[in-house]
Amino acid sequence: MTDDKDVLRDVWFGRIPTCFTLYQDEITEREAEPYYLLLPRVSYLTLVTDKVKKHFQKVMRQEDISEIWFEYEGTPLKWHYPIGLLFDLLASSSALPWNITVHFKSFPEKDLLHCPSKDAVEAHFMSCVKEADALKHKSQVINEMQKKDHKQLWMGLQNVVSTWSSQEIETTQRVKQDRFDQFWAINRKLMEYPAEENGFRYIPFRIYQTTTERPFIQKLFRPVAADGQLHTLGDLLREVCPSALAPEDNPTPKRQGLDVQACAQKV
């Protein structure tokens, strides 16, 4: 993990310039100005949009405010998807800033789960961590951790969001570095394995899709082939999602905003 630290840090500090606009049919007492934020890719909308909620509630009557939700070009944004994933799925080919519409009524019950509090986001996040460790280590690592370790992992993820002010960006960068160290002090344990095992039991992964009714693909996949050769990303895609490598379909598989097709090919 030491050799990857610069890459991990770059991913952690990755941000998406975003413009939040109140939906035109929302009732306001005066004009609602757009609100701009630099959203962290490795966080969730529910964790980083308190400023957005407060900004628009200032121009609304209390009786016109219900549960907040967001949409992009008519598609409701799932709060349990990381921000970077939402952007890559829906808007990666669009010009920046990412334009998100804010709603306070007409919650889309068929498309979104309700998020009563940030505790729901924490429960979802920890469930994903436990599922991944079950595949990698038979849950041995996560089960050996204490509750305070789980909390440190979660609190480290409370990524700091900033406006476009250069002074605020500088301030939040220092805090985010602290959060990076806090998060990876625990997450590092979940990413380690004995050298003699040559990798995890299985690689935890999900391939999210935009063109089918199946939201994502998830299968068991070992890091090492039967002949002892290490599998590549290309091997995984060829086995579980061959269409992602079919040139005639012009697919663009992405990981943290980067086109991974080139590095997935065998060399």
Protein backbone atom coordinates (compact mmCIF):
# COMPACT_ATOMS: atom_id res chain seq x y z
CA MET A 1 0.00 0.00 0.00
CA THR A 2 2.95 2.34 0.56
CA ASP A 3 3.72 2.53 -3.16
CA ASP A 4 0.11 3.50 -3.87
CA LYS A 5 -0.13 6.29 -1.33
CA ASP A 6 0.18 9.12 -3.85
CA VAL A 7 -2.56 7.59 -5.98
CA LEU A 8 -4.79 7.06 -2.95
CA ARG A 9 -4.27 10.66 -1.90
CA ASP A 10 -5.10 11.97 -5.39
CA VAL A 11 -8.32 9.96 -5.39
CA TRP A 12 -9.18 11.16 -1.89
CA PHE A 13 -8.74 14.81 -2.86
CA GLY A 14 -10.65 14.43 -6.13
CA ARG A 15 -13.50 16.94 -6.33
CA ILE A 16 -16.28 17.79 -8.78
CA PRO A 17 -17.27 21.44 -9.36
CA THR A 18 -21.03 21.44 -8.88
CA CYS A 19 -23.84 23.97 -9.27
CA PHE A 20 -27.00 23.34 -7.25
CA THR A 21 -30.18 24.99 -8.54
CA LEU A 22 -33.61 24.95 -6.89
CA TYR A 23 -36.32 23.28 -8.98
CA GLN A 24 -38.39 25.88 -10.79
CA ASP A 25 -41.73 24.73 -9.31
CA GLU A 26 -40.58 25.05 -5.70
CA ILE A 27 -42.38 27.91 -3.91
CA THR A 28 -40.03 30.62 -2.67
CA GLU A 29 -40.45 34.03 -1.03
CA ARG A 30 -37.66 35.50 -3.17
CA GLU A 31 -35.36 34.42 -5.95
CA ALA A 32 -33.16 31.46 -5.09
CA GLU A 33 -29.59 31.96 -6.22
CA PRO A 34 -27.61 28.88 -7.36
CA TYR A 35 -25.14 27.42 -4.87
CA TYR A 36 -21.69 26.18 -5.86
CA LEU A 37 -19.64 23.49 -4.14
CA LEU A 38 -16.60 21.36 -4.81
CA LEU A 39 -17.99 17.89 -4.05
CA PRO A 40 -15.59 15.14 -2.91
CA ARG A 41 -15.78 12.05 -5.11
CA VAL A 42 -15.35 9.66 -2.17
CA SER A 43 -18.37 10.72 -0.15
CA TYR A 44 -22.16 10.70 -0.31
CA LEU A 45 -24.55 13.54 -1.18
CA THR A 46 -26.31 13.30 2.18
CA LEU A 47 -23.04 13.93 4.02
CA VAL A 48 -21.91 17.01 2.11
CA THR A 49 -25.04 18.97 1.23
CA ASP A 50 -26.01 20.56 4.55
CA LYS A 51 -24.85 23.91 3.16
CA VAL A 52 -27.05 23.44 0.11
CA LYS A 53 -30.09 22.65 2.22
CA LYS A 54 -29.59 25.68 4.46
CA HIS A 55 -28.96 27.96 1.47
CA PHE A 56 -32.30 27.20 -0.22
CA GLN A 57 -34.36 26.91 2.94
CA LYS A 58 -33.61 30.59 3.60
CA VAL A 59 -35.89 31.59 0.72
CA MET A 60 -38.67 29.08 1.42
CA ARG A 61 -41.54 28.87 3.86
CA GLN A 62 -41.25 26.11 6.44
CA GLU A 63 -44.54 24.54 5.37
CA ASP A 64 -43.20 24.10 1.81
CA ILE A 65 -40.16 22.10 2.93
CA SER A 66 -40.12 18.33 3.14
CA GLU A 67 -37.39 15.75 2.50
CA ILE A 68 -34.65 17.07 0.23
CA TRP A 69 -33.65 15.10 -2.86
CA PHE A 70 -31.54 15.74 -5.93
CA GLU A 71 -31.79 15.01 -9.63
CA TYR A 72 -29.69 15.42 -12.74
CA GLU A 73 -31.46 15.90 -16.08
CA GLY A 74 -34.57 14.10 -14.82
CA THR A 75 -32.75 11.24 -13.07
CA PRO A 76 -33.09 11.15 -9.24
CA LEU A 77 -29.67 10.77 -7.59
CA LYS A 78 -29.34 7.80 -5.24
CA TRP A 79 -27.95 8.91 -1.89
CA HIS A 80 -26.36 5.47 -1.27
CA TYR A 81 -24.17 5.79 -4.40
CA PRO A 82 -20.83 7.58 -3.90
CA ILE A 83 -20.72 11.03 -5.52
CA GLY A 84 -17.96 10.05 -7.95
CA LEU A 85 -19.97 7.04 -9.10
CA LEU A 86 -23.07 9.17 -9.73
CA PHE A 87 -21.06 11.63 -11.79
CA ASP A 88 -19.31 8.93 -13.83
CA LEU A 89 -22.61 7.16 -14.55
CA LEU A 90 -24.65 10.18 -15.50
CA ALA A 91 -22.56 13.22 -16.30
CA SER A 92 -18.95 12.36 -17.10
CA SER A 93 -19.31 13.55 -20.70
CA SER A 94 -21.00 16.81 -19.72
CA ALA A 95 -19.36 20.19 -19.31
CA LEU A 96 -18.52 21.34 -15.79
CA PRO A 97 -19.86 22.44 -13.42
CA TRP A 98 -22.15 19.50 -12.80
CA ASN A 99 -25.66 20.98 -12.67
CA ILE A 100 -27.79 19.32 -9.99
CA THR A 101 -31.42 20.25 -9.33
CA VAL A 102 -32.66 20.45 -5.72
CA HIS A 103 -36.17 19.38 -4.69
CA PHE A 104 -38.07 19.70 -1.41
CA LYS A 105 -41.34 18.04 -2.46
CA SER A 106 -42.74 15.27 -4.69
CA PHE A 107 -40.25 12.69 -3.40
CA PRO A 108 -39.82 9.96 -6.08
CA GLU A 109 -40.85 6.97 -3.99
CA LYS A 110 -40.34 4.48 -6.83
CA ASP A 111 -36.80 5.63 -7.61
CA LEU A 112 -35.20 6.56 -4.30
CA LEU A 113 -34.92 5.19 -0.79
CA HIS A 114 -35.73 7.57 2.02
CA CYS A 115 -32.72 8.69 4.04
CA PRO A 116 -34.00 9.63 7.50
CA SER A 117 -30.56 10.62 8.85
CA LYS A 118 -26.82 10.32 8.34
CA ASP A 119 -27.00 7.19 10.49
CA ALA A 120 -28.60 5.45 7.50
CA VAL A 121 -25.61 6.39 5.33
CA GLU A 122 -23.22 5.09 7.99
CA ALA A 123 -25.12 1.79 8.21
CA HIS A 124 -24.99 1.40 4.43
CA PHE A 125 -21.27 2.23 4.28
CA MET A 126 -20.34 -0.19 7.06
CA SER A 127 -22.46 -2.90 5.43
CA CYS A 128 -20.43 -2.48 2.22
CA VAL A 129 -17.16 -2.63 4.17
CA LYS A 130 -18.24 -5.84 5.93
CA GLU A 131 -19.37 -7.43 2.66
CA ALA A 132 -16.01 -6.64 1.05
CA ASP A 133 -14.05 -8.05 3.98
CA ALA A 134 -16.13 -11.23 3.91
CA LEU A 135 -14.93 -11.76 0.34
CA LYS A 136 -11.32 -10.78 1.03
CA HIS A 137 -10.63 -12.21 4.50
CA LYS A 138 -13.68 -14.28 5.52
CA SER A 139 -14.60 -11.28 7.73
CA GLN A 140 -11.59 -11.92 9.97
CA VAL A 141 -10.19 -8.39 9.79
CA ILE A 142 -13.43 -6.48 10.35
CA ASN A 143 -14.44 -8.82 13.19
CA GLU A 144 -11.14 -8.27 14.98
CA MET A 145 -11.63 -4.50 14.93
CA GLN A 146 -13.12 -2.72 17.88
CA LYS A 147 -16.13 -0.43 17.67
CA LYS A 148 -13.85 2.60 17.93
CA ASP A 149 -12.01 1.41 14.80
CA HIS A 150 -15.29 1.23 12.89
CA LYS A 151 -16.14 4.73 14.09
CA GLN A 152 -12.72 6.07 13.09
CA LEU A 153 -13.16 4.63 9.61
CA TRP A 154 -16.56 6.27 9.31
CA MET A 155 -15.49 9.61 10.75
CA GLY A 156 -12.52 9.68 8.40
CA LEU A 157 -14.97 9.43 5.51
CA GLN A 158 -16.71 12.61 6.67
CA ASN A 159 -14.95 14.39 3.84
CA VAL A 160 -14.86 18.17 4.06
CA VAL A 161 -16.72 20.07 1.36
CA SER A 162 -15.81 23.58 0.28
CA THR A 163 -17.18 26.38 -1.87
CA TRP A 164 -15.08 27.73 -4.73
CA SER A 165 -13.40 30.30 -2.48
CA SER A 166 -9.61 29.89 -2.65
CA GLN A 167 -9.28 30.63 1.07
CA GLU A 168 -11.88 28.01 1.99
CA ILE A 169 -10.27 25.48 -0.35
CA GLU A 170 -6.91 25.98 1.35
CA THR A 171 -8.44 25.54 4.79
CA THR A 172 -10.38 22.40 3.89
CA GLN A 173 -7.35 20.84 2.21
CA ARG A 174 -5.57 20.72 5.57
CA VAL A 175 -8.59 19.14 7.25
CA LYS A 176 -9.01 16.63 4.43
CA GLN A 177 -5.39 15.56 4.84
CA ASP A 178 -6.12 14.82 8.50
CA ARG A 179 -9.20 12.85 7.47
CA PHE A 180 -7.16 10.94 4.88
CA ASP A 181 -4.66 9.86 7.54
CA GLN A 182 -7.48 9.01 9.95
CA PHE A 183 -9.32 6.89 7.39
CA TRP A 184 -6.32 5.02 6.02
CA ALA A 185 -4.91 4.24 9.46
CA ILE A 186 -7.83 1.80 9.71
CA ASN A 187 -8.61 1.01 6.08
CA ARG A 188 -5.02 -0.14 5.52
CA LYS A 189 -5.75 -3.19 7.67
CA LEU A 190 -8.61 -4.13 5.37
CA MET A 191 -6.34 -3.95 2.32
CA GLU A 192 -3.54 -6.21 3.57
CA TYR A 193 -3.02 -9.93 3.09
CA PRO A 194 -0.23 -12.42 3.92
CA ALA A 195 2.40 -12.55 1.15
CA GLU A 196 2.14 -16.33 0.92
CA GLU A 197 -1.55 -16.07 0.01
CA ASN A 198 -0.73 -13.99 -3.08
CA GLY A 199 -3.87 -11.90 -2.77
CA PHE A 200 -7.36 -11.84 -1.32
CA ARG A 201 -9.71 -14.82 -1.45
CA TYR A 202 -11.94 -12.92 -3.87
CA ILE A 203 -11.83 -9.43 -5.34
CA PRO A 204 -14.81 -7.38 -4.12
CA PHE A 205 -16.09 -5.35 -7.06
CA ARG A 206 -19.22 -3.99 -8.68
CA ILE A 207 -19.58 -2.95 -12.31
CA TYR A 208 -22.33 -0.35 -12.49
CA GLN A 209 -24.31 0.04 -15.71
CA THR A 210 -26.48 2.75 -17.22
CA THR A 211 -28.03 0.90 -20.16
CA THR A 212 -29.79 -2.06 -18.55
CA GLU A 213 -32.34 -2.72 -15.84
CA ARG A 214 -29.66 -4.53 -13.85
CA PRO A 215 -27.97 -1.75 -11.85
CA PHE A 216 -24.68 -3.55 -11.33
CA ILE A 217 -22.78 -6.81 -11.88
CA GLN A 218 -21.20 -8.56 -8.93
CA LYS A 219 -19.70 -12.06 -9.04
CA LEU A 220 -17.03 -14.08 -7.27
CA PHE A 221 -13.64 -13.50 -8.88
CA ARG A 222 -10.28 -14.72 -7.61
CA PRO A 223 -7.16 -12.54 -7.97
CA VAL A 224 -5.04 -15.50 -9.11
CA ALA A 225 -5.74 -17.91 -11.96
CA ALA A 226 -5.54 -21.69 -11.59
CA ASP A 227 -2.07 -21.66 -13.18
CA GLY A 228 -0.79 -19.16 -10.62
CA GLN A 229 -0.86 -16.13 -12.93
CA LEU A 230 -2.20 -12.91 -11.46
CA HIS A 231 -5.44 -11.79 -13.01
CA THR A 232 -5.68 -8.34 -14.60
CA LEU A 233 -8.60 -5.94 -14.78
CA GLY A 234 -8.97 -7.06 -18.39
CA ASP A 235 -9.41 -10.67 -17.24
CA LEU A 236 -12.18 -9.62 -14.87
CA LEU A 237 -14.01 -7.59 -17.52
CA ARG A 238 -13.70 -10.35 -20.11
CA GLU A 239 -15.21 -12.87 -17.69
CA VAL A 240 -18.04 -10.92 -16.09
CA CYS A 241 -18.77 -8.09 -18.55
CA PRO A 242 -17.23 -8.80 -21.98
CA SER A 243 -19.32 -6.05 -23.61
CA ALA A 244 -17.20 -3.51 -21.73
CA LEU A 245 -14.27 -4.43 -23.97
CA ALA A 246 -16.18 -4.80 -27.23
CA PRO A 247 -14.93 -1.99 -29.53
CA GLU A 248 -18.07 -1.99 -31.64
CA ASP A 249 -20.13 -0.92 -28.64
CA ASN A 250 -17.83 2.00 -27.78
CA PRO A 251 -17.98 1.30 -24.03
CA THR A 252 -16.16 3.53 -21.57
CA PRO A 253 -15.56 1.66 -18.30
CA LYS A 254 -14.40 4.11 -15.65
CA ARG A 255 -12.84 3.97 -12.19
CA GLN A 256 -12.78 7.16 -10.13
CA GLY A 257 -13.38 9.19 -13.27
CA LEU A 258 -10.60 7.56 -15.27
CA ASP A 259 -11.07 5.53 -18.44
CA VAL A 260 -9.84 2.09 -17.45
CA GLN A 261 -10.23 0.36 -20.81
CA ALA A 262 -6.64 0.95 -21.84
CA CYS A 263 -5.17 -0.51 -18.66
CA ALA A 264 -7.62 -3.40 -18.82
CA GLN A 265 -6.14 -4.72 -22.05
CA LYS A 266 -3.61 -7.56 -21.92
CA VAL A 267 -0.01 -6.54 -22.62
